[in-house]
Amino acid sequence: MRNIAVIGAGMAGCALARRLVDAGLSVHVFDKGRAAGGRMATRVDGRRRFDHGAQFMSIRGNRLAAMLVDWQRAGGVAPWPQATRSSGEGGVRWVGVPGMNALAPRLLWGAEVSNGTTVSAIGADRLGWWLACGSGRLPDCFDAVLVTIPAPQAAGLFANCAGVDATHFAETVRRIRYAPCWTLMLSFDVRLDAADCLRFEPGGVLNWAARDSCKPQRDAASECWVVHADPQWSAAHLELSPGQIVSLLFEAFAAALGVTAAPVHQAAHRWRHARVVEPLGQDCLWDGVNRIGYASDGCLGERIEDAFDSANALADRVLQTGAGDG
């Protein structure tokens, strides 16, 4: 087993690719986004940077802690003191620098990456696994296909898989449940009189707000804010346009902070699968006979580390299967 397809380039897909490339396998990562990272995303507008997905990482396990040492030594991550909730290593919040998306290319080094590619179908025949997108089948064949996209999207691939019965995978991942999140990005030409990180009571419009321009290696003069809406509010307003959301969320943000200044930049982004609220409860799925697998934060929880751990669990199984091939 030498040639592996990974579908999805969030933390799970990136961490999976890193492990397999380091083991000497050929890895091709496919992702529908313009850039790798998934919810570890950074929106750039001139000198302004907004981590409009995951705001930070917290580290609890030894495996990610070991990676963190290398990332920090290479200048890829830094602590964000303003977001630290308690003393000790477990309370430290870590961010990618200069943006959360900085970790993705580091993890994907050595893998072939196809961004802007939505895999719409998968199947297996005598030559191996094939993938298809809107324009038809892609030219390569693979020894294994590993899916790391959100469960609703993965379930569709598994349910319609050709040549291999993957309905059990489809039924299993459908148990994962998510909450959506609308995110507002704001920039001002004056500094707001507010704490750098704010959490709001559940049940209202807002869930979290942070001055992203106070993060390491950011332009502090740009006064950039990222605002996350409450999950229930996001679900109730999920199908509104970004323009409508900008108006509603800014009104709530301004009222909560007493903001009178008008933003010089504002935009909204919808995350349909922002937070895992009902994880699968197992670290990954792997069929060693047919060589198809699934890993994501949805297997274990909502944190970036959960996606990392799920990916490493799947990598362990893939490499064990490969070792058995001689």
C-alpha atoms as a PDB file:
ATOM      1  CA  MET A   1       0.000   0.000   0.000  1.00  0.00           C
ATOM      2  CA  ARG A   2       1.834   3.057  -1.265  1.00  0.00           C
ATOM      3  CA  ASN A   3      -0.572   5.564  -2.811  1.00  0.00           C
ATOM      4  CA  ILE A   4      -3.149   7.181  -0.511  1.00  0.00           C
ATOM      5  CA  ALA A   5      -5.974   9.651  -1.203  1.00  0.00           C
ATOM      6  CA  VAL A   6      -7.035  11.946   1.634  1.00  0.00           C
ATOM      7  CA  ILE A   7     -10.271  13.872   1.194  1.00  0.00           C
ATOM      8  CA  GLY A   8     -10.367  17.054   3.267  1.00  0.00           C
ATOM      9  CA  ALA A   9      -7.567  19.372   4.413  1.00  0.00           C
ATOM     10  CA  GLY A  10      -8.667  20.499   7.845  1.00  0.00           C
ATOM     11  CA  MET A  11      -6.596  19.505  10.864  1.00  0.00           C
ATOM     12  CA  ALA A  12      -7.577  15.838  10.489  1.00  0.00           C
ATOM     13  CA  GLY A  13      -6.610  15.668   6.827  1.00  0.00           C
ATOM     14  CA  CYS A  14      -3.403  17.629   7.356  1.00  0.00           C
ATOM     15  CA  ALA A  15      -2.282  15.578  10.362  1.00  0.00           C
ATOM     16  CA  LEU A  16      -3.113  12.348   8.545  1.00  0.00           C
ATOM     17  CA  ALA A  17      -1.106  13.405   5.513  1.00  0.00           C
ATOM     18  CA  ARG A  18       1.873  14.341   7.714  1.00  0.00           C
ATOM     19  CA  ARG A  19       1.971  10.923   9.378  1.00  0.00           C
ATOM     20  CA  LEU A  20       1.666   9.006   6.111  1.00  0.00           C
ATOM     21  CA  VAL A  21       4.217  11.110   4.238  1.00  0.00           C
ATOM     22  CA  ASP A  22       6.660  10.669   7.121  1.00  0.00           C
ATOM     23  CA  ALA A  23       6.118   6.899   6.809  1.00  0.00           C
ATOM     24  CA  GLY A  24       7.210   7.037   3.176  1.00  0.00           C
ATOM     25  CA  LEU A  25       3.795   6.826   1.509  1.00  0.00           C
ATOM     26  CA  SER A  26       2.646   8.882  -1.466  1.00  0.00           C
ATOM     27  CA  VAL A  27      -0.268  11.073  -0.344  1.00  0.00           C
ATOM     28  CA  HIS A  28      -2.618  13.187  -2.453  1.00  0.00           C
ATOM     29  CA  VAL A  29      -4.914  15.526  -0.485  1.00  0.00           C
ATOM     30  CA  PHE A  30      -8.104  16.883  -2.060  1.00  0.00           C
ATOM     31  CA  ASP A  31     -10.000  19.821  -0.580  1.00  0.00           C
ATOM     32  CA  LYS A  32     -12.855  21.981  -1.831  1.00  0.00           C
ATOM     33  CA  GLY A  33     -11.465  25.152  -0.250  1.00  0.00           C
ATOM     34  CA  ARG A  34      -9.197  27.679  -1.901  1.00  0.00           C
ATOM     35  CA  ALA A  35      -6.563  26.947   0.745  1.00  0.00           C
ATOM     36  CA  ALA A  36      -5.934  24.147   3.205  1.00  0.00           C
ATOM     37  CA  GLY A  37      -6.823  24.451   6.878  1.00  0.00           C
ATOM     38  CA  GLY A  38     -10.570  23.905   7.155  1.00  0.00           C
ATOM     39  CA  ARG A  39     -11.788  25.742  10.242  1.00  0.00           C
ATOM     40  CA  MET A  40      -8.183  26.724  10.964  1.00  0.00           C
ATOM     41  CA  ALA A  41      -8.879  29.542   8.556  1.00  0.00           C
ATOM     42  CA  THR A  42      -7.568  33.087   8.231  1.00  0.00           C
ATOM     43  CA  ARG A  43      -9.214  35.796   6.125  1.00  0.00           C
ATOM     44  CA  VAL A  44      -6.760  38.434   4.879  1.00  0.00           C
ATOM     45  CA  ASP A  45      -7.726  41.928   3.757  1.00  0.00           C
ATOM     46  CA  GLY A  46      -4.634  44.050   3.227  1.00  0.00           C
ATOM     47  CA  ARG A  47      -2.904  44.254   6.609  1.00  0.00           C
ATOM     48  CA  ARG A  48      -5.971  42.935   8.364  1.00  0.00           C
ATOM     49  CA  ARG A  49      -6.096  39.274   9.457  1.00  0.00           C
ATOM     50  CA  PHE A  50      -9.132  37.502  10.875  1.00  0.00           C
ATOM     51  CA  ASP A  51      -9.061  33.962  12.260  1.00  0.00           C
ATOM     52  CA  HIS A  52     -12.709  33.557  11.388  1.00  0.00           C
ATOM     53  CA  GLY A  53     -12.898  29.842  12.220  1.00  0.00           C
ATOM     54  CA  ALA A  54     -11.134  28.277  15.186  1.00  0.00           C
ATOM     55  CA  GLN A  55      -9.709  31.067  17.304  1.00  0.00           C
ATOM     56  CA  PHE A  56      -7.029  29.045  19.093  1.00  0.00           C
ATOM     57  CA  MET A  57      -5.851  25.590  20.156  1.00  0.00           C
ATOM     58  CA  SER A  58      -5.685  24.192  23.660  1.00  0.00           C
ATOM     59  CA  ILE A  59      -3.391  21.215  24.276  1.00  0.00           C
ATOM     60  CA  ARG A  60      -4.147  18.382  26.694  1.00  0.00           C
ATOM     61  CA  GLY A  61      -2.592  15.223  25.262  1.00  0.00           C
ATOM     62  CA  ASN A  62       1.068  14.240  24.934  1.00  0.00           C
ATOM     63  CA  ARG A  63       0.908  13.617  21.194  1.00  0.00           C
ATOM     64  CA  LEU A  64      -0.100  17.119  20.174  1.00  0.00           C
ATOM     65  CA  ALA A  65       2.110  18.590  22.907  1.00  0.00           C
ATOM     66  CA  ALA A  66       5.105  16.908  21.261  1.00  0.00           C
ATOM     67  CA  MET A  67       4.176  18.416  17.891  1.00  0.00           C
ATOM     68  CA  LEU A  68       3.700  21.806  19.534  1.00  0.00           C
ATOM     69  CA  VAL A  69       7.356  21.865  20.563  1.00  0.00           C
ATOM     70  CA  ASP A  70       8.444  21.547  16.925  1.00  0.00           C
ATOM     71  CA  TRP A  71       5.875  24.063  15.695  1.00  0.00           C
ATOM     72  CA  GLN A  72       6.932  26.613  18.294  1.00  0.00           C
ATOM     73  CA  ARG A  73      10.628  26.104  17.546  1.00  0.00           C
ATOM     74  CA  ALA A  74       9.917  26.716  13.850  1.00  0.00           C
ATOM     75  CA  GLY A  75       7.896  29.848  14.599  1.00  0.00           C
ATOM     76  CA  GLY A  76       4.594  28.351  13.455  1.00  0.00           C
ATOM     77  CA  VAL A  77       2.673  28.847  16.720  1.00  0.00           C
ATOM     78  CA  ALA A  78       2.762  31.165  19.713  1.00  0.00           C
ATOM     79  CA  PRO A  79       0.807  31.504  22.969  1.00  0.00           C
ATOM     80  CA  TRP A  80      -2.049  33.988  23.063  1.00  0.00           C
ATOM     81  CA  PRO A  81      -1.884  35.314  26.647  1.00  0.00           C
ATOM     82  CA  GLN A  82      -5.078  37.343  26.420  1.00  0.00           C
ATOM     83  CA  ALA A  83      -7.122  34.164  25.871  1.00  0.00           C
ATOM     84  CA  THR A  84      -5.515  32.096  28.635  1.00  0.00           C
ATOM     85  CA  ARG A  85      -8.159  31.051  31.126  1.00  0.00           C
ATOM     86  CA  SER A  86      -6.063  29.639  33.969  1.00  0.00           C
ATOM     87  CA  SER A  87      -2.467  29.119  35.012  1.00  0.00           C
ATOM     88  CA  GLY A  88      -0.449  26.149  33.807  1.00  0.00           C
ATOM     89  CA  GLU A  89       0.191  24.622  30.394  1.00  0.00           C
ATOM     90  CA  GLY A  90      -3.366  23.291  30.132  1.00  0.00           C
ATOM     91  CA  GLY A  91      -4.749  26.814  30.279  1.00  0.00           C
ATOM     92  CA  VAL A  92      -2.546  28.221  27.503  1.00  0.00           C
ATOM     93  CA  ARG A  93      -4.273  29.078  24.218  1.00  0.00           C
ATOM     94  CA  TRP A  94      -2.058  28.638  21.159  1.00  0.00           C
ATOM     95  CA  VAL A  95      -2.487  30.324  17.788  1.00  0.00           C
ATOM     96  CA  GLY A  96      -0.874  29.854  14.411  1.00  0.00           C
ATOM     97  CA  VAL A  97       1.332  32.735  13.299  1.00  0.00           C
ATOM     98  CA  PRO A  98       0.853  34.902  11.434  1.00  0.00           C
ATOM     99  CA  GLY A  99      -2.605  33.253  11.180  1.00  0.00           C
ATOM    100  CA  MET A 100      -4.324  30.037  12.241  1.00  0.00           C
ATOM    101  CA  ASN A 101      -3.985  28.718   8.689  1.00  0.00           C
ATOM    102  CA  ALA A 102      -0.165  28.775   8.979  1.00  0.00           C
ATOM    103  CA  LEU A 103      -0.068  25.203  10.308  1.00  0.00           C
ATOM    104  CA  ALA A 104      -1.726  23.610   7.275  1.00  0.00           C
ATOM    105  CA  PRO A 105       1.094  24.043   4.722  1.00  0.00           C
ATOM    106  CA  ARG A 106       3.626  22.939   7.333  1.00  0.00           C
ATOM    107  CA  LEU A 107       1.709  19.696   7.911  1.00  0.00           C
ATOM    108  CA  LEU A 108       1.118  19.120   4.196  1.00  0.00           C
ATOM    109  CA  TRP A 109       4.758  19.458   3.169  1.00  0.00           C
ATOM    110  CA  GLY A 110       5.653  16.502   0.942  1.00  0.00           C
ATOM    111  CA  ALA A 111       2.056  15.676  -0.004  1.00  0.00           C
ATOM    112  CA  GLU A 112       0.433  16.535  -3.310  1.00  0.00           C
ATOM    113  CA  VAL A 113      -2.457  18.925  -2.684  1.00  0.00           C
ATOM    114  CA  SER A 114      -5.409  19.764  -4.935  1.00  0.00           C
ATOM    115  CA  ASN A 115      -7.330  22.757  -3.582  1.00  0.00           C
ATOM    116  CA  GLY A 116     -10.629  23.857  -5.083  1.00  0.00           C
ATOM    117  CA  THR A 117     -11.507  20.218  -5.777  1.00  0.00           C
ATOM    118  CA  THR A 118     -14.804  18.887  -4.448  1.00  0.00           C
ATOM    119  CA  VAL A 119     -14.800  15.103  -4.504  1.00  0.00           C
ATOM    120  CA  SER A 120     -18.356  14.106  -5.381  1.00  0.00           C
ATOM    121  CA  ALA A 121     -17.983  10.332  -5.722  1.00  0.00           C
ATOM    122  CA  ILE A 122     -15.609   7.522  -4.803  1.00  0.00           C
ATOM    123  CA  GLY A 123     -15.384   3.920  -5.921  1.00  0.00           C
ATOM    124  CA  ALA A 124     -13.141   0.905  -6.269  1.00  0.00           C
ATOM    125  CA  ASP A 125     -12.405  -1.399  -9.197  1.00  0.00           C
ATOM    126  CA  ARG A 126      -9.632  -3.811 -10.188  1.00  0.00           C
ATOM    127  CA  LEU A 127      -7.163  -0.918 -10.468  1.00  0.00           C
ATOM    128  CA  GLY A 128      -7.862   0.454  -6.984  1.00  0.00           C
ATOM    129  CA  TRP A 129      -9.797   3.408  -5.632  1.00  0.00           C
ATOM    130  CA  TRP A 130     -10.933   6.193  -7.939  1.00  0.00           C
ATOM    131  CA  LEU A 131     -12.287   9.657  -7.143  1.00  0.00           C
ATOM    132  CA  ALA A 132     -14.586  11.875  -9.179  1.00  0.00           C
ATOM    133  CA  CYS A 133     -15.440  15.573  -9.122  1.00  0.00           C
ATOM    134  CA  GLY A 134     -17.879  17.631 -11.156  1.00  0.00           C
ATOM    135  CA  SER A 135     -15.858  17.226 -14.347  1.00  0.00           C
ATOM    136  CA  GLY A 136     -15.655  13.436 -14.040  1.00  0.00           C
ATOM    137  CA  ARG A 137     -13.187  10.884 -12.712  1.00  0.00           C
ATOM    138  CA  LEU A 138      -9.759  12.068 -11.682  1.00  0.00           C
ATOM    139  CA  PRO A 139      -6.863  10.348 -13.468  1.00  0.00           C
ATOM    140  CA  ASP A 140      -5.116   8.697 -10.511  1.00  0.00           C
ATOM    141  CA  CYS A 141      -5.944   5.441  -8.734  1.00  0.00           C
ATOM    142  CA  PHE A 142      -5.187   4.860  -5.063  1.00  0.00           C
ATOM    143  CA  ASP A 143      -4.507   1.958  -2.723  1.00  0.00           C
ATOM    144  CA  ALA A 144      -6.671   3.514   0.003  1.00  0.00           C
ATOM    145  CA  VAL A 145      -9.069   6.420   0.414  1.00  0.00           C
ATOM    146  CA  LEU A 146      -9.317   8.281   3.732  1.00  0.00           C
ATOM    147  CA  VAL A 147     -12.140  10.747   4.307  1.00  0.00           C
ATOM    148  CA  THR A 148     -11.808  13.598   6.820  1.00  0.00           C
ATOM    149  CA  ILE A 149     -14.626  15.989   5.827  1.00  0.00           C
ATOM    150  CA  PRO A 150     -17.632  16.780   8.073  1.00  0.00           C
ATOM    151  CA  ALA A 151     -19.907  13.819   8.669  1.00  0.00           C
ATOM    152  CA  PRO A 152     -22.919  14.945   6.566  1.00  0.00           C
ATOM    153  CA  GLN A 153     -20.674  15.319   3.522  1.00  0.00           C
ATOM    154  CA  ALA A 154     -18.800  12.095   4.261  1.00  0.00           C
ATOM    155  CA  ALA A 155     -22.070  10.166   4.666  1.00  0.00           C
ATOM    156  CA  GLY A 156     -23.024  11.055   1.096  1.00  0.00           C
ATOM    157  CA  LEU A 157     -19.741   9.713  -0.270  1.00  0.00           C
ATOM    158  CA  PHE A 158     -19.995   6.510   1.745  1.00  0.00           C
ATOM    159  CA  ALA A 159     -23.663   5.892   0.922  1.00  0.00           C
ATOM    160  CA  ASN A 160     -23.043   6.121  -2.822  1.00  0.00           C
ATOM    161  CA  CYS A 161     -19.647   4.428  -2.888  1.00  0.00           C
ATOM    162  CA  ALA A 162     -19.258   2.260  -6.012  1.00  0.00           C
ATOM    163  CA  GLY A 163     -17.664  -1.168  -5.964  1.00  0.00           C
ATOM    164  CA  VAL A 164     -17.444  -1.375  -2.150  1.00  0.00           C
ATOM    165  CA  ASP A 165     -20.333  -1.502   0.308  1.00  0.00           C
ATOM    166  CA  ALA A 166     -19.621   1.416   2.648  1.00  0.00           C
ATOM    167  CA  THR A 167     -23.179   1.838   3.935  1.00  0.00           C
ATOM    168  CA  HIS A 168     -22.055   0.915   7.456  1.00  0.00           C
ATOM    169  CA  PHE A 169     -19.674   3.881   7.391  1.00  0.00           C
ATOM    170  CA  ALA A 170     -22.490   6.115   6.124  1.00  0.00           C
ATOM    171  CA  GLU A 171     -24.853   4.986   8.867  1.00  0.00           C
ATOM    172  CA  THR A 172     -22.191   5.354  11.543  1.00  0.00           C
ATOM    173  CA  VAL A 173     -21.047   8.882  10.709  1.00  0.00           C
ATOM    174  CA  ARG A 174     -24.664  10.077  10.514  1.00  0.00           C
ATOM    175  CA  ARG A 175     -24.725   9.775  14.310  1.00  0.00           C
ATOM    176  CA  ILE A 176     -22.385  12.770  14.554  1.00  0.00           C
ATOM    177  CA  ARG A 177     -24.197  16.044  15.201  1.00  0.00           C
ATOM    178  CA  TYR A 178     -22.954  19.605  14.704  1.00  0.00           C
ATOM    179  CA  ALA A 179     -23.972  23.131  15.636  1.00  0.00           C
ATOM    180  CA  PRO A 180     -23.494  25.901  13.046  1.00  0.00           C
ATOM    181  CA  CYS A 181     -21.892  29.283  13.592  1.00  0.00           C
ATOM    182  CA  TRP A 182     -22.177  32.626  11.868  1.00  0.00           C
ATOM    183  CA  THR A 183     -18.957  34.632  12.195  1.00  0.00           C
ATOM    184  CA  LEU A 184     -18.625  38.407  11.860  1.00  0.00           C
ATOM    185  CA  MET A 185     -15.316  40.079  10.952  1.00  0.00           C
ATOM    186  CA  LEU A 186     -14.931  43.738  11.849  1.00  0.00           C
ATOM    187  CA  SER A 187     -12.182  46.342  11.666  1.00  0.00           C
ATOM    188  CA  PHE A 188     -12.192  49.883  13.084  1.00  0.00           C
ATOM    189  CA  ASP A 189      -9.944  52.921  12.739  1.00  0.00           C
ATOM    190  CA  VAL A 190     -10.140  53.509  16.513  1.00  0.00           C
ATOM    191  CA  ARG A 191      -9.434  51.159  19.404  1.00  0.00           C
ATOM    192  CA  LEU A 192     -12.546  49.851  21.152  1.00  0.00           C
ATOM    193  CA  ASP A 193     -12.751  50.187  24.918  1.00  0.00           C
ATOM    194  CA  ALA A 194     -13.214  46.489  25.681  1.00  0.00           C
ATOM    195  CA  ALA A 195     -11.367  43.429  26.912  1.00  0.00           C
ATOM    196  CA  ASP A 196      -9.466  41.473  24.262  1.00  0.00           C
ATOM    197  CA  CYS A 197     -11.562  38.318  24.681  1.00  0.00           C
ATOM    198  CA  LEU A 198     -15.238  38.242  25.596  1.00  0.00           C
ATOM    199  CA  ARG A 199     -17.601  35.371  26.294  1.00  0.00           C
ATOM    200  CA  PHE A 200     -21.357  35.920  26.405  1.00  0.00           C
ATOM    201  CA  GLU A 201     -24.128  34.155  28.261  1.00  0.00           C
ATOM    202  CA  PRO A 202     -25.797  31.303  26.312  1.00  0.00           C
ATOM    203  CA  GLY A 203     -29.126  31.922  24.660  1.00  0.00           C
ATOM    204  CA  GLY A 204     -28.449  35.393  23.299  1.00  0.00           C
ATOM    205  CA  VAL A 205     -27.180  36.544  19.922  1.00  0.00           C
ATOM    206  CA  LEU A 206     -23.445  36.417  20.684  1.00  0.00           C
ATOM    207  CA  ASN A 207     -21.201  33.632  21.934  1.00  0.00           C
ATOM    208  CA  TRP A 208     -17.619  34.959  21.667  1.00  0.00           C
ATOM    209  CA  ALA A 209     -15.771  38.048  20.533  1.00  0.00           C
ATOM    210  CA  ALA A 210     -12.049  38.678  20.340  1.00  0.00           C
ATOM    211  CA  ARG A 211      -9.670  41.404  19.264  1.00  0.00           C
ATOM    212  CA  ASP A 212      -7.745  39.346  16.713  1.00  0.00           C
ATOM    213  CA  SER A 213      -5.278  42.176  16.174  1.00  0.00           C
ATOM    214  CA  CYS A 214      -3.865  41.520  19.664  1.00  0.00           C
ATOM    215  CA  LYS A 215      -2.648  38.071  18.621  1.00  0.00           C
ATOM    216  CA  PRO A 216       1.079  37.471  18.089  1.00  0.00           C
ATOM    217  CA  GLN A 217       2.534  38.902  14.849  1.00  0.00           C
ATOM    218  CA  ARG A 218      -0.615  40.889  14.026  1.00  0.00           C
ATOM    219  CA  ASP A 219      -0.921  44.550  13.097  1.00  0.00           C
ATOM    220  CA  ALA A 220      -2.194  45.962  16.381  1.00  0.00           C
ATOM    221  CA  ALA A 221      -3.145  49.226  14.704  1.00  0.00           C
ATOM    222  CA  SER A 222      -5.746  47.552  12.487  1.00  0.00           C
ATOM    223  CA  GLU A 223      -8.193  46.884  15.375  1.00  0.00           C
ATOM    224  CA  CYS A 224      -9.647  43.663  13.978  1.00  0.00           C
ATOM    225  CA  TRP A 225     -12.416  41.765  15.753  1.00  0.00           C
ATOM    226  CA  VAL A 226     -13.916  38.328  15.203  1.00  0.00           C
ATOM    227  CA  VAL A 227     -17.405  37.741  16.608  1.00  0.00           C
ATOM    228  CA  HIS A 228     -19.037  34.316  16.846  1.00  0.00           C
ATOM    229  CA  ALA A 229     -22.810  34.105  17.073  1.00  0.00           C
ATOM    230  CA  ASP A 230     -24.565  31.846  19.562  1.00  0.00           C
ATOM    231  CA  PRO A 231     -25.094  28.321  18.135  1.00  0.00           C
ATOM    232  CA  GLN A 232     -28.881  28.402  18.548  1.00  0.00           C
ATOM    233  CA  TRP A 233     -29.099  31.867  17.053  1.00  0.00           C
ATOM    234  CA  SER A 234     -26.908  30.733  14.149  1.00  0.00           C
ATOM    235  CA  ALA A 235     -29.161  27.743  13.516  1.00  0.00           C
ATOM    236  CA  ALA A 236     -32.274  29.926  13.546  1.00  0.00           C
ATOM    237  CA  HIS A 237     -30.715  32.373  11.062  1.00  0.00           C
ATOM    238  CA  LEU A 238     -28.674  29.894   9.043  1.00  0.00           C
ATOM    239  CA  GLU A 239     -30.157  30.691   5.632  1.00  0.00           C
ATOM    240  CA  LEU A 240     -29.988  34.463   5.837  1.00  0.00           C
ATOM    241  CA  SER A 241     -27.603  36.242   3.487  1.00  0.00           C
ATOM    242  CA  PRO A 242     -24.178  37.401   4.725  1.00  0.00           C
ATOM    243  CA  GLY A 243     -25.341  40.996   4.315  1.00  0.00           C
ATOM    244  CA  GLN A 244     -28.301  40.425   6.616  1.00  0.00           C
ATOM    245  CA  ILE A 245     -26.091  38.688   9.162  1.00  0.00           C
ATOM    246  CA  VAL A 246     -23.558  41.546   9.161  1.00  0.00           C
ATOM    247  CA  SER A 247     -26.311  43.981  10.099  1.00  0.00           C
ATOM    248  CA  LEU A 248     -27.818  41.801  12.845  1.00  0.00           C
ATOM    249  CA  LEU A 249     -24.554  40.734  14.460  1.00  0.00           C
ATOM    250  CA  PHE A 250     -23.009  44.201  14.380  1.00  0.00           C
ATOM    251  CA  GLU A 251     -26.112  45.619  16.038  1.00  0.00           C
ATOM    252  CA  ALA A 252     -25.801  43.034  18.833  1.00  0.00           C
ATOM    253  CA  PHE A 253     -22.041  43.551  19.148  1.00  0.00           C
ATOM    254  CA  ALA A 254     -22.340  47.340  19.285  1.00  0.00           C
ATOM    255  CA  ALA A 255     -25.067  47.143  21.909  1.00  0.00           C
ATOM    256  CA  ALA A 256     -23.091  44.694  24.073  1.00  0.00           C
ATOM    257  CA  LEU A 257     -19.881  46.763  24.013  1.00  0.00           C
ATOM    258  CA  GLY A 258     -21.348  50.251  23.691  1.00  0.00           C
ATOM    259  CA  VAL A 259     -19.650  50.745  20.330  1.00  0.00           C
ATOM    260  CA  THR A 260     -20.426  54.014  18.562  1.00  0.00           C
ATOM    261  CA  ALA A 261     -17.689  53.887  15.894  1.00  0.00           C
ATOM    262  CA  ALA A 262     -18.570  52.609  12.448  1.00  0.00           C
ATOM    263  CA  PRO A 263     -16.468  49.700  11.132  1.00  0.00           C
ATOM    264  CA  VAL A 264     -14.173  50.365   8.184  1.00  0.00           C
ATOM    265  CA  HIS A 265     -14.421  46.695   7.180  1.00  0.00           C
ATOM    266  CA  GLN A 266     -17.109  44.113   7.857  1.00  0.00           C
ATOM    267  CA  ALA A 267     -17.916  40.666   6.487  1.00  0.00           C
ATOM    268  CA  ALA A 268     -19.699  37.513   7.591  1.00  0.00           C
ATOM    269  CA  HIS A 269     -18.947  33.824   7.105  1.00  0.00           C
ATOM    270  CA  ARG A 270     -21.218  30.844   7.711  1.00  0.00           C
ATOM    271  CA  TRP A 271     -19.865  27.620   9.178  1.00  0.00           C
ATOM    272  CA  ARG A 272     -22.507  24.934   8.805  1.00  0.00           C
ATOM    273  CA  HIS A 273     -20.489  22.373  10.777  1.00  0.00           C
ATOM    274  CA  ALA A 274     -18.722  24.579  13.305  1.00  0.00           C
ATOM    275  CA  ARG A 275     -18.928  22.630  16.566  1.00  0.00           C
ATOM    276  CA  VAL A 276     -19.387  18.955  17.291  1.00  0.00           C
ATOM    277  CA  VAL A 277     -22.206  18.564  19.814  1.00  0.00           C
ATOM    278  CA  GLU A 278     -22.642  14.770  19.542  1.00  0.00           C
ATOM    279  CA  PRO A 279     -19.363  12.995  18.699  1.00  0.00           C
ATOM    280  CA  LEU A 280     -19.178   9.413  17.505  1.00  0.00           C
ATOM    281  CA  GLY A 281     -17.349   8.268  20.601  1.00  0.00           C
ATOM    282  CA  GLN A 282     -14.669   6.254  18.788  1.00  0.00           C
ATOM    283  CA  ASP A 283     -11.382   7.532  17.473  1.00  0.00           C
ATOM    284  CA  CYS A 284     -11.820   6.638  13.782  1.00  0.00           C
ATOM    285  CA  LEU A 285     -13.292   4.173  11.290  1.00  0.00           C
ATOM    286  CA  TRP A 286     -11.121   1.817   9.239  1.00  0.00           C
ATOM    287  CA  ASP A 287     -11.888  -1.100   6.933  1.00  0.00           C
ATOM    288  CA  GLY A 288      -8.542  -2.786   6.391  1.00  0.00           C
ATOM    289  CA  VAL A 289      -9.898  -5.211   3.812  1.00  0.00           C
ATOM    290  CA  ASN A 290     -11.330  -2.568   1.482  1.00  0.00           C
ATOM    291  CA  ARG A 291      -8.914   0.130   2.644  1.00  0.00           C
ATOM    292  CA  ILE A 292     -11.330   2.921   3.354  1.00  0.00           C
ATOM    293  CA  GLY A 293     -11.305   5.082   6.482  1.00  0.00           C
ATOM    294  CA  TYR A 294     -12.759   8.090   8.243  1.00  0.00           C
ATOM    295  CA  ALA A 295     -11.261  10.520  10.767  1.00  0.00           C
ATOM    296  CA  SER A 296     -12.398  13.925  12.004  1.00  0.00           C
ATOM    297  CA  ASP A 297     -13.090  15.932  15.137  1.00  0.00           C
ATOM    298  CA  GLY A 298     -16.589  14.450  14.892  1.00  0.00           C
ATOM    299  CA  CYS A 299     -15.208  11.129  16.062  1.00  0.00           C
ATOM    300  CA  LEU A 300     -14.025  12.466  19.429  1.00  0.00           C
ATOM    301  CA  GLY A 301     -15.172  16.039  20.105  1.00  0.00           C
ATOM    302  CA  GLU A 302     -15.153  19.683  19.053  1.00  0.00           C
ATOM    303  CA  ARG A 303     -11.538  20.668  19.655  1.00  0.00           C
ATOM    304  CA  ILE A 304      -8.699  20.902  17.124  1.00  0.00           C
ATOM    305  CA  GLU A 305      -6.852  18.336  19.213  1.00  0.00           C
ATOM    306  CA  ASP A 306      -9.750  15.905  18.755  1.00  0.00           C
ATOM    307  CA  ALA A 307      -9.295  16.088  14.987  1.00  0.00           C
ATOM    308  CA  PHE A 308      -5.535  15.627  15.422  1.00  0.00           C
ATOM    309  CA  ASP A 309      -6.009  12.572  17.663  1.00  0.00           C
ATOM    310  CA  SER A 310      -8.572  11.015  15.330  1.00  0.00           C
ATOM    311  CA  ALA A 311      -6.213  11.438  12.371  1.00  0.00           C
ATOM    312  CA  ASN A 312      -3.349   9.820  14.230  1.00  0.00           C
ATOM    313  CA  ALA A 313      -5.550   6.904  15.259  1.00  0.00           C
ATOM    314  CA  LEU A 314      -6.465   6.310  11.621  1.00  0.00           C
ATOM    315  CA  ALA A 315      -2.837   6.685  10.536  1.00  0.00           C
ATOM    316  CA  ASP A 316      -1.871   3.998  13.068  1.00  0.00           C
ATOM    317  CA  ARG A 317      -4.390   1.577  11.559  1.00  0.00           C
ATOM    318  CA  VAL A 318      -3.413   2.349   7.975  1.00  0.00           C
ATOM    319  CA  LEU A 319       0.266   1.817   8.714  1.00  0.00           C
ATOM    320  CA  GLN A 320      -0.446  -1.410  10.612  1.00  0.00           C
ATOM    321  CA  THR A 321      -2.363  -2.712   7.607  1.00  0.00           C
ATOM    322  CA  GLY A 322       0.446  -1.679   5.294  1.00  0.00           C
ATOM    323  CA  ALA A 323       3.020  -3.433   7.462  1.00  0.00           C
ATOM    324  CA  GLY A 324       0.993  -6.607   7.155  1.00  0.00           C
ATOM    325  CA  ASP A 325       1.352  -6.440   3.366  1.00  0.00           C
ATOM    326  CA  GLY A 326       5.093  -6.938   3.643  1.00  0.00           C
END
